[in-house]
Amino acid sequence: CIYAEDCMQSYQRRVREAVVSTQSTGDIFDVKDVDPNGKHFDRVSRLFCESESFKMDLILDVNTQVYPVILRDKFRLMLATTLHEDGAPDDGSYTSNLEGTRADTFEYVMFGRVYRIEGDDFGDSNAILSAYISYGGLLMRLKGAANNLHGMETGQNVYLLLKKLAF
């Protein structure tokens, strides 16, 4: 880009197009640390994780009373805009019947909203982006290369699905 305005528009377009494919992409994450700054809530732990394939960093608050997670656990994480296997959009209302959805194959599911997307360097094609999502006050930050992150926008609804792996 020649003009700063063109560079900024290009960056903003990449940010809109970038942050984890929300239809079916996921990765395996290793729990590297749990509550390194101390435990602030009885039922919630803050996990610090690294992905195996895409080398993304994840910070995730989890209700450990419902879904216990400990140091060195491995889990599959998927982010999705819908729970429907065919990709059909959700209507945004709660349903207790999750049979026949993506939730069937996962152990822990949360529904949240993207509240911020940040990037390090708008002129660099290898920019590092961070997506911030709130799941009813439980927070998540996913940070990684822009080319590994696709499709998320501020204000977008996102499901988080987790399943622990035996190793």
N, C-alpha and C. Protein backbone atom coordinates (compact mmCIF):
# COMPACT_ATOMS: atom_id res chain seq x y z
N CYS A 1 0.84 -1.18 0.00
CA CYS A 1 0.00 0.00 0.00
C CYS A 1 0.89 1.25 0.00
N ILE A 2 0.39 2.26 -0.68
CA ILE A 2 1.15 3.49 -0.84
C ILE A 2 0.75 4.51 0.23
N TYR A 3 -0.54 4.66 0.44
CA TYR A 3 -1.04 5.65 1.39
C TYR A 3 -1.43 4.97 2.71
N ALA A 4 -1.24 5.69 3.80
CA ALA A 4 -1.55 5.14 5.13
C ALA A 4 -3.02 4.73 5.21
N GLU A 5 -3.90 5.49 4.57
CA GLU A 5 -5.33 5.16 4.61
C GLU A 5 -5.59 3.82 3.93
N ASP A 6 -4.90 3.58 2.79
CA ASP A 6 -5.06 2.30 2.09
C ASP A 6 -4.57 1.14 2.96
N CYS A 7 -3.45 1.34 3.65
CA CYS A 7 -2.91 0.31 4.54
C CYS A 7 -3.88 0.02 5.66
N MET A 8 -4.47 1.06 6.25
CA MET A 8 -5.41 0.87 7.35
C MET A 8 -6.66 0.13 6.87
N GLN A 9 -7.18 0.48 5.70
CA GLN A 9 -8.35 -0.22 5.17
C GLN A 9 -8.03 -1.68 4.89
N SER A 10 -6.85 -1.95 4.35
CA SER A 10 -6.43 -3.32 4.09
C SER A 10 -6.34 -4.10 5.40
N TYR A 11 -5.76 -3.46 6.42
CA TYR A 11 -5.64 -4.10 7.73
C TYR A 11 -7.01 -4.38 8.32
N GLN A 12 -7.92 -3.40 8.26
CA GLN A 12 -9.25 -3.58 8.83
C GLN A 12 -9.99 -4.71 8.10
N ARG A 13 -9.83 -4.82 6.78
CA ARG A 13 -10.45 -5.90 6.03
C ARG A 13 -9.89 -7.24 6.48
N ARG A 14 -8.54 -7.33 6.66
CA ARG A 14 -7.93 -8.58 7.11
C ARG A 14 -8.40 -8.95 8.50
N VAL A 15 -8.55 -7.95 9.38
CA VAL A 15 -9.03 -8.23 10.74
C VAL A 15 -10.45 -8.76 10.69
N ARG A 16 -11.30 -8.16 9.85
CA ARG A 16 -12.68 -8.65 9.75
C ARG A 16 -12.72 -10.08 9.23
N GLU A 17 -11.79 -10.41 8.34
CA GLU A 17 -11.77 -11.74 7.75
C GLU A 17 -10.99 -12.74 8.59
N ALA A 18 -10.34 -12.23 9.65
CA ALA A 18 -9.39 -13.07 10.35
C ALA A 18 -9.77 -13.34 11.77
N VAL A 19 -9.85 -14.42 12.25
CA VAL A 19 -9.91 -14.88 13.61
C VAL A 19 -10.72 -16.16 13.67
N VAL A 20 -10.14 -17.23 13.67
CA VAL A 20 -10.59 -18.61 13.73
C VAL A 20 -11.84 -18.93 12.93
N SER A 21 -11.68 -19.80 11.99
CA SER A 21 -12.80 -20.25 11.18
C SER A 21 -13.88 -20.77 12.09
N THR A 22 -15.04 -20.19 11.97
CA THR A 22 -16.08 -20.45 12.94
C THR A 22 -17.02 -21.57 12.53
N GLN A 23 -16.77 -22.23 11.42
CA GLN A 23 -17.67 -23.29 11.03
C GLN A 23 -17.23 -24.65 11.56
N SER A 24 -15.96 -25.01 11.44
CA SER A 24 -15.59 -26.34 11.90
C SER A 24 -14.12 -26.47 12.26
N THR A 25 -13.40 -25.37 12.35
CA THR A 25 -11.98 -25.47 12.64
C THR A 25 -11.73 -25.55 14.13
N GLY A 26 -10.79 -26.35 14.50
CA GLY A 26 -10.40 -26.46 15.89
C GLY A 26 -8.94 -26.86 15.96
N ASP A 27 -8.46 -27.01 17.16
CA ASP A 27 -7.08 -27.42 17.36
C ASP A 27 -7.00 -28.12 18.71
N ILE A 28 -5.90 -28.79 18.92
CA ILE A 28 -5.60 -29.43 20.19
C ILE A 28 -4.77 -28.44 21.01
N PHE A 29 -5.15 -28.25 22.27
CA PHE A 29 -4.44 -27.34 23.15
C PHE A 29 -3.89 -28.10 24.35
N ASP A 30 -2.69 -27.70 24.76
CA ASP A 30 -2.04 -28.22 25.96
C ASP A 30 -2.16 -27.17 27.05
N VAL A 31 -2.59 -27.58 28.26
CA VAL A 31 -2.66 -26.66 29.39
C VAL A 31 -1.26 -26.50 29.96
N LYS A 32 -0.70 -25.30 29.83
CA LYS A 32 0.66 -25.00 30.28
C LYS A 32 0.70 -24.42 31.68
N ASP A 33 -0.39 -23.76 32.11
CA ASP A 33 -0.44 -23.17 33.45
C ASP A 33 -1.89 -22.97 33.84
N VAL A 34 -2.15 -23.03 35.14
CA VAL A 34 -3.49 -22.83 35.67
C VAL A 34 -3.39 -21.82 36.81
N ASP A 35 -4.15 -20.75 36.72
CA ASP A 35 -4.20 -19.71 37.76
C ASP A 35 -2.81 -19.25 38.21
N PRO A 36 -1.95 -18.79 37.29
CA PRO A 36 -0.59 -18.39 37.70
C PRO A 36 -0.57 -17.18 38.63
N ASN A 37 -1.60 -16.36 38.60
CA ASN A 37 -1.67 -15.19 39.48
C ASN A 37 -2.55 -15.44 40.70
N GLY A 38 -2.78 -16.70 41.00
CA GLY A 38 -3.63 -17.07 42.13
C GLY A 38 -5.07 -17.27 41.69
N LYS A 39 -5.79 -17.99 42.52
CA LYS A 39 -7.19 -18.30 42.22
C LYS A 39 -8.06 -17.17 42.79
N HIS A 40 -8.82 -16.51 41.92
CA HIS A 40 -9.64 -15.38 42.34
C HIS A 40 -11.08 -15.77 42.62
N PHE A 41 -11.53 -16.89 42.04
CA PHE A 41 -12.90 -17.35 42.23
C PHE A 41 -12.88 -18.84 42.55
N ASP A 42 -13.77 -19.27 43.43
CA ASP A 42 -13.80 -20.67 43.86
C ASP A 42 -14.07 -21.63 42.71
N ARG A 43 -14.95 -21.26 41.82
CA ARG A 43 -15.42 -22.19 40.79
C ARG A 43 -14.81 -21.97 39.42
N VAL A 44 -13.92 -21.00 39.29
CA VAL A 44 -13.36 -20.65 37.98
C VAL A 44 -11.84 -20.69 38.02
N SER A 45 -11.25 -21.27 36.99
CA SER A 45 -9.80 -21.23 36.83
C SER A 45 -9.47 -20.60 35.49
N ARG A 46 -8.34 -19.90 35.46
CA ARG A 46 -7.84 -19.31 34.22
C ARG A 46 -6.74 -20.22 33.68
N LEU A 47 -6.98 -20.75 32.47
CA LEU A 47 -6.05 -21.67 31.83
C LEU A 47 -5.18 -20.91 30.83
N PHE A 48 -3.90 -21.23 30.80
CA PHE A 48 -2.97 -20.71 29.82
C PHE A 48 -2.53 -21.89 28.98
N CYS A 49 -2.83 -21.84 27.68
CA CYS A 49 -2.66 -23.00 26.82
C CYS A 49 -1.94 -22.63 25.53
N GLU A 50 -1.36 -23.66 24.89
CA GLU A 50 -0.75 -23.53 23.57
C GLU A 50 -1.35 -24.57 22.65
N SER A 51 -1.59 -24.16 21.41
CA SER A 51 -2.12 -25.13 20.45
C SER A 51 -0.98 -25.93 19.83
N GLU A 52 -1.29 -27.14 19.42
CA GLU A 52 -0.27 -28.02 18.85
C GLU A 52 -0.02 -27.74 17.37
N SER A 53 -1.07 -27.54 16.59
CA SER A 53 -0.91 -27.41 15.14
C SER A 53 -0.65 -25.98 14.69
N PHE A 54 -1.43 -25.03 15.20
CA PHE A 54 -1.37 -23.66 14.69
C PHE A 54 -0.55 -22.72 15.56
N LYS A 55 0.03 -23.22 16.63
CA LYS A 55 0.88 -22.43 17.53
C LYS A 55 0.20 -21.15 18.01
N MET A 56 -1.06 -21.29 18.43
CA MET A 56 -1.80 -20.17 18.98
C MET A 56 -1.72 -20.23 20.50
N ASP A 57 -1.81 -19.06 21.12
CA ASP A 57 -1.87 -18.96 22.58
C ASP A 57 -3.31 -18.74 22.98
N LEU A 58 -3.73 -19.44 24.03
CA LEU A 58 -5.10 -19.35 24.52
C LEU A 58 -5.07 -19.06 26.01
N ILE A 59 -5.85 -18.07 26.41
CA ILE A 59 -6.14 -17.83 27.82
C ILE A 59 -7.64 -18.01 27.94
N LEU A 60 -8.08 -18.91 28.83
CA LEU A 60 -9.49 -19.26 28.91
C LEU A 60 -9.93 -19.45 30.35
N ASP A 61 -11.02 -18.80 30.72
CA ASP A 61 -11.65 -19.01 32.02
C ASP A 61 -12.64 -20.16 31.87
N VAL A 62 -12.56 -21.13 32.80
CA VAL A 62 -13.41 -22.31 32.76
C VAL A 62 -14.05 -22.52 34.13
N ASN A 63 -15.32 -22.87 34.14
CA ASN A 63 -16.01 -23.23 35.38
C ASN A 63 -15.53 -24.63 35.77
N THR A 64 -14.56 -24.70 36.66
CA THR A 64 -13.94 -25.98 37.01
C THR A 64 -14.80 -26.82 37.95
N GLN A 65 -15.85 -26.25 38.49
CA GLN A 65 -16.79 -27.05 39.26
C GLN A 65 -17.60 -27.94 38.30
N VAL A 66 -17.89 -27.42 37.13
CA VAL A 66 -18.64 -28.16 36.12
C VAL A 66 -17.71 -28.99 35.25
N TYR A 67 -16.53 -28.44 34.92
CA TYR A 67 -15.60 -29.08 34.00
C TYR A 67 -14.17 -28.94 34.53
N PRO A 68 -13.74 -29.86 35.40
CA PRO A 68 -12.40 -29.75 35.98
C PRO A 68 -11.30 -29.90 34.93
N VAL A 69 -10.35 -28.98 34.96
CA VAL A 69 -9.19 -29.01 34.07
C VAL A 69 -7.95 -28.79 34.92
N ILE A 70 -6.90 -29.58 34.68
CA ILE A 70 -5.68 -29.45 35.46
C ILE A 70 -4.48 -29.26 34.52
N LEU A 71 -3.36 -28.90 35.13
CA LEU A 71 -2.11 -28.71 34.42
C LEU A 71 -1.77 -29.95 33.59
N ARG A 72 -1.33 -29.75 32.37
CA ARG A 72 -0.92 -30.78 31.40
C ARG A 72 -2.09 -31.53 30.76
N ASP A 73 -3.34 -31.14 31.06
CA ASP A 73 -4.45 -31.71 30.30
C ASP A 73 -4.33 -31.28 28.85
N LYS A 74 -4.90 -32.09 27.96
CA LYS A 74 -5.00 -31.73 26.55
C LYS A 74 -6.47 -31.75 26.20
N PHE A 75 -6.88 -30.80 25.37
CA PHE A 75 -8.27 -30.79 24.94
C PHE A 75 -8.39 -30.28 23.51
N ARG A 76 -9.46 -30.72 22.87
CA ARG A 76 -9.79 -30.22 21.54
C ARG A 76 -10.71 -29.03 21.74
N LEU A 77 -10.41 -27.94 21.06
CA LEU A 77 -11.24 -26.75 21.13
C LEU A 77 -11.78 -26.45 19.74
N MET A 78 -13.06 -26.15 19.68
CA MET A 78 -13.66 -25.71 18.43
C MET A 78 -14.45 -24.44 18.72
N LEU A 79 -14.34 -23.47 17.81
CA LEU A 79 -15.17 -22.28 17.87
C LEU A 79 -16.13 -22.36 16.69
N ALA A 80 -17.40 -22.04 16.93
CA ALA A 80 -18.40 -22.14 15.87
C ALA A 80 -19.45 -21.05 16.05
N THR A 81 -19.99 -20.56 14.94
CA THR A 81 -21.06 -19.58 15.00
C THR A 81 -22.41 -20.27 15.13
N THR A 82 -22.45 -21.56 14.90
CA THR A 82 -23.69 -22.32 15.01
C THR A 82 -23.36 -23.72 15.53
N LEU A 83 -24.33 -24.34 16.17
CA LEU A 83 -24.16 -25.72 16.61
C LEU A 83 -24.67 -26.71 15.56
N HIS A 84 -25.36 -26.22 14.55
CA HIS A 84 -25.90 -27.09 13.52
C HIS A 84 -24.78 -27.63 12.64
N GLU A 85 -24.77 -28.95 12.44
CA GLU A 85 -23.73 -29.59 11.63
C GLU A 85 -23.72 -29.10 10.19
N ASP A 86 -24.89 -28.73 9.67
CA ASP A 86 -24.96 -28.28 8.28
C ASP A 86 -24.59 -26.80 8.12
N GLY A 87 -24.25 -26.13 9.22
CA GLY A 87 -23.85 -24.72 9.16
C GLY A 87 -25.02 -23.75 9.16
N ALA A 88 -26.24 -24.26 9.27
CA ALA A 88 -27.41 -23.37 9.30
C ALA A 88 -27.30 -22.44 10.51
N PRO A 89 -27.63 -21.18 10.34
CA PRO A 89 -27.48 -20.24 11.45
C PRO A 89 -28.46 -20.54 12.59
N ASP A 90 -28.02 -20.21 13.81
CA ASP A 90 -28.89 -20.32 14.98
C ASP A 90 -29.81 -19.11 15.02
N ASP A 91 -30.94 -19.26 15.70
CA ASP A 91 -31.85 -18.11 15.81
C ASP A 91 -31.54 -17.23 17.01
N GLY A 92 -30.50 -17.59 17.77
CA GLY A 92 -30.07 -16.77 18.89
C GLY A 92 -30.80 -17.03 20.18
N SER A 93 -31.72 -17.98 20.21
CA SER A 93 -32.44 -18.29 21.44
C SER A 93 -31.94 -19.61 22.03
N TYR A 94 -32.10 -19.75 23.35
CA TYR A 94 -31.63 -20.94 24.05
C TYR A 94 -32.52 -22.14 23.74
N THR A 95 -31.88 -23.28 23.57
CA THR A 95 -32.60 -24.53 23.44
C THR A 95 -31.91 -25.56 24.32
N SER A 96 -32.69 -26.34 25.04
CA SER A 96 -32.09 -27.36 25.90
C SER A 96 -31.84 -28.65 25.12
N ASN A 97 -32.41 -28.79 23.93
CA ASN A 97 -32.21 -29.98 23.12
C ASN A 97 -31.02 -29.77 22.19
N LEU A 98 -29.88 -30.35 22.56
CA LEU A 98 -28.68 -30.21 21.75
C LEU A 98 -28.35 -31.49 20.99
N GLU A 99 -29.30 -32.45 20.99
CA GLU A 99 -29.08 -33.70 20.27
C GLU A 99 -29.03 -33.42 18.77
N GLY A 100 -28.12 -34.10 18.10
CA GLY A 100 -27.97 -33.94 16.67
C GLY A 100 -27.21 -32.68 16.29
N THR A 101 -26.48 -32.09 17.24
CA THR A 101 -25.70 -30.90 16.97
C THR A 101 -24.22 -31.18 17.23
N ARG A 102 -23.38 -30.20 16.94
CA ARG A 102 -21.95 -30.33 17.23
C ARG A 102 -21.69 -30.57 18.70
N ALA A 103 -22.56 -30.11 19.57
CA ALA A 103 -22.38 -30.28 21.01
C ALA A 103 -22.37 -31.74 21.42
N ASP A 104 -22.95 -32.62 20.62
CA ASP A 104 -23.00 -34.05 20.94
C ASP A 104 -21.63 -34.66 21.19
N THR A 105 -20.62 -34.21 20.47
CA THR A 105 -19.30 -34.83 20.55
C THR A 105 -18.35 -34.08 21.48
N PHE A 106 -18.85 -33.09 22.19
CA PHE A 106 -18.03 -32.31 23.12
C PHE A 106 -18.58 -32.43 24.54
N GLU A 107 -17.72 -32.10 25.52
CA GLU A 107 -18.09 -32.24 26.94
C GLU A 107 -18.47 -30.92 27.59
N TYR A 108 -18.00 -29.81 27.05
CA TYR A 108 -18.20 -28.50 27.67
C TYR A 108 -18.47 -27.50 26.56
N VAL A 109 -19.60 -26.80 26.66
CA VAL A 109 -20.01 -25.85 25.63
C VAL A 109 -20.38 -24.53 26.30
N MET A 110 -19.88 -23.43 25.72
CA MET A 110 -20.26 -22.09 26.20
C MET A 110 -20.67 -21.25 25.00
N PHE A 111 -21.55 -20.29 25.24
CA PHE A 111 -22.02 -19.36 24.22
C PHE A 111 -21.58 -17.96 24.61
N GLY A 112 -20.94 -17.25 23.69
CA GLY A 112 -20.45 -15.92 24.01
C GLY A 112 -20.45 -14.98 22.83
N ARG A 113 -19.77 -13.85 23.04
CA ARG A 113 -19.73 -12.80 22.02
C ARG A 113 -18.33 -12.21 21.93
N VAL A 114 -17.87 -12.01 20.70
CA VAL A 114 -16.58 -11.35 20.45
C VAL A 114 -16.73 -9.89 20.85
N TYR A 115 -15.86 -9.43 21.74
CA TYR A 115 -15.95 -8.03 22.14
C TYR A 115 -14.75 -7.19 21.72
N ARG A 116 -13.69 -7.83 21.23
CA ARG A 116 -12.55 -7.05 20.75
C ARG A 116 -11.67 -7.92 19.87
N ILE A 117 -11.11 -7.30 18.83
CA ILE A 117 -10.10 -7.93 17.99
C ILE A 117 -8.95 -6.95 17.88
N GLU A 118 -7.74 -7.42 18.14
CA GLU A 118 -6.55 -6.57 18.10
C GLU A 118 -5.51 -7.20 17.19
N GLY A 119 -4.64 -6.33 16.62
CA GLY A 119 -3.53 -6.79 15.81
C GLY A 119 -2.27 -6.03 16.15
N ASP A 120 -1.11 -6.67 15.92
CA ASP A 120 0.17 -6.05 16.26
C ASP A 120 0.65 -5.05 15.22
N ASP A 121 0.58 -5.41 13.94
CA ASP A 121 1.19 -4.57 12.91
C ASP A 121 0.35 -4.64 11.65
N PHE A 122 -0.34 -3.54 11.31
CA PHE A 122 -1.26 -3.59 10.18
C PHE A 122 -0.55 -3.68 8.84
N GLY A 123 0.73 -3.40 8.75
CA GLY A 123 1.44 -3.46 7.48
C GLY A 123 2.08 -4.81 7.20
N ASP A 124 2.07 -5.70 8.16
CA ASP A 124 2.75 -6.99 8.05
C ASP A 124 1.76 -8.09 7.69
N SER A 125 2.03 -8.82 6.62
CA SER A 125 1.13 -9.90 6.23
C SER A 125 1.17 -11.06 7.22
N ASN A 126 2.18 -11.11 8.07
CA ASN A 126 2.29 -12.14 9.11
C ASN A 126 1.85 -11.60 10.46
N ALA A 127 0.90 -10.68 10.45
CA ALA A 127 0.45 -10.03 11.68
C ALA A 127 -0.06 -11.06 12.69
N ILE A 128 0.14 -10.74 13.95
CA ILE A 128 -0.40 -11.53 15.05
C ILE A 128 -1.68 -10.85 15.50
N LEU A 129 -2.77 -11.61 15.53
CA LEU A 129 -4.06 -11.08 15.93
C LEU A 129 -4.51 -11.75 17.22
N SER A 130 -5.34 -11.03 17.96
CA SER A 130 -5.95 -11.56 19.19
C SER A 130 -7.44 -11.32 19.13
N ALA A 131 -8.20 -12.36 19.44
CA ALA A 131 -9.65 -12.25 19.55
C ALA A 131 -10.02 -12.40 21.01
N TYR A 132 -10.88 -11.52 21.49
CA TYR A 132 -11.35 -11.55 22.88
C TYR A 132 -12.84 -11.86 22.85
N ILE A 133 -13.23 -12.88 23.63
CA ILE A 133 -14.62 -13.32 23.68
C ILE A 133 -15.04 -13.43 25.14
N SER A 134 -16.26 -12.95 25.43
CA SER A 134 -16.82 -13.10 26.77
C SER A 134 -17.93 -14.14 26.72
N TYR A 135 -17.84 -15.12 27.59
CA TYR A 135 -18.86 -16.15 27.74
C TYR A 135 -19.57 -15.92 29.06
N GLY A 136 -20.45 -14.92 29.09
CA GLY A 136 -21.18 -14.61 30.31
C GLY A 136 -20.26 -14.20 31.45
N GLY A 137 -19.16 -13.55 31.15
CA GLY A 137 -18.20 -13.12 32.16
C GLY A 137 -16.97 -14.00 32.24
N LEU A 138 -17.04 -15.22 31.72
CA LEU A 138 -15.84 -16.05 31.59
C LEU A 138 -15.16 -15.60 30.30
N LEU A 139 -13.90 -15.23 30.40
CA LEU A 139 -13.22 -14.58 29.29
C LEU A 139 -12.28 -15.52 28.55
N MET A 140 -12.04 -15.19 27.29
CA MET A 140 -11.11 -15.94 26.46
C MET A 140 -10.33 -14.96 25.59
N ARG A 141 -9.03 -15.24 25.44
CA ARG A 141 -8.21 -14.55 24.45
C ARG A 141 -7.51 -15.62 23.62
N LEU A 142 -7.67 -15.54 22.31
CA LEU A 142 -7.00 -16.45 21.40
C LEU A 142 -6.09 -15.59 20.54
N LYS A 143 -4.79 -15.92 20.55
CA LYS A 143 -3.79 -15.11 19.86
C LYS A 143 -2.99 -15.99 18.92
N GLY A 144 -2.84 -15.53 17.67
CA GLY A 144 -2.07 -16.30 16.71
C GLY A 144 -1.90 -15.56 15.40
N ALA A 145 -1.23 -16.21 14.46
CA ALA A 145 -1.00 -15.62 13.15
C ALA A 145 -2.32 -15.39 12.43
N ALA A 146 -2.42 -14.24 11.75
CA ALA A 146 -3.66 -13.88 11.06
C ALA A 146 -4.08 -14.93 10.04
N ASN A 147 -3.12 -15.58 9.40
CA ASN A 147 -3.48 -16.58 8.39
C ASN A 147 -4.08 -17.85 9.02
N ASN A 148 -3.98 -18.02 10.33
CA ASN A 148 -4.61 -19.16 11.01
C ASN A 148 -5.96 -18.80 11.60
N LEU A 149 -6.32 -17.55 11.51
CA LEU A 149 -7.55 -17.06 12.14
C LEU A 149 -8.45 -16.46 11.07
N HIS A 150 -9.69 -16.89 11.00
CA HIS A 150 -10.58 -16.46 9.91
C HIS A 150 -11.99 -16.14 10.41
N GLY A 151 -12.58 -15.09 9.88
CA GLY A 151 -14.01 -14.89 9.91
C GLY A 151 -14.68 -14.27 11.12
N MET A 152 -14.02 -14.01 12.18
CA MET A 152 -14.70 -13.49 13.36
C MET A 152 -14.77 -11.97 13.32
N GLU A 153 -15.87 -11.41 13.82
CA GLU A 153 -16.04 -9.97 13.86
C GLU A 153 -16.50 -9.56 15.25
N THR A 154 -16.17 -8.34 15.63
CA THR A 154 -16.64 -7.80 16.89
C THR A 154 -18.17 -7.83 16.89
N GLY A 155 -18.74 -8.29 17.99
CA GLY A 155 -20.19 -8.40 18.12
C GLY A 155 -20.75 -9.74 17.68
N GLN A 156 -19.92 -10.59 17.09
CA GLN A 156 -20.38 -11.88 16.59
C GLN A 156 -20.59 -12.86 17.75
N ASN A 157 -21.65 -13.65 17.67
CA ASN A 157 -21.90 -14.72 18.64
C ASN A 157 -21.06 -15.93 18.28
N VAL A 158 -20.47 -16.56 19.32
CA VAL A 158 -19.56 -17.69 19.10
C VAL A 158 -19.76 -18.75 20.18
N TYR A 159 -19.84 -19.99 19.74
CA TYR A 159 -19.86 -21.13 20.66
C TYR A 159 -18.43 -21.62 20.85
N LEU A 160 -18.10 -21.98 22.07
CA LEU A 160 -16.83 -22.64 22.38
C LEU A 160 -17.19 -24.07 22.78
N LEU A 161 -16.51 -25.02 22.18
CA LEU A 161 -16.76 -26.44 22.48
C LEU A 161 -15.42 -27.07 22.86
N LEU A 162 -15.40 -27.80 23.99
CA LEU A 162 -14.20 -28.46 24.49
C LEU A 162 -14.43 -29.94 24.71
N LYS A 163 -13.38 -30.70 24.47
CA LYS A 163 -13.38 -32.12 24.83
C LYS A 163 -11.97 -32.51 25.21
N LYS A 164 -11.81 -33.06 26.41
CA LYS A 164 -10.49 -33.53 26.87
C LYS A 164 -10.07 -34.74 26.06
N LEU A 165 -8.74 -34.85 25.89
CA LEU A 165 -8.17 -35.97 25.16
C LEU A 165 -7.36 -36.82 26.11
N ALA A 166 -7.43 -38.12 25.94
CA ALA A 166 -6.59 -39.04 26.70
C ALA A 166 -5.24 -39.11 25.99
N PHE A 167 -4.17 -39.10 26.76
CA PHE A 167 -2.83 -39.20 26.15
C PHE A 167 -1.94 -40.06 26.98
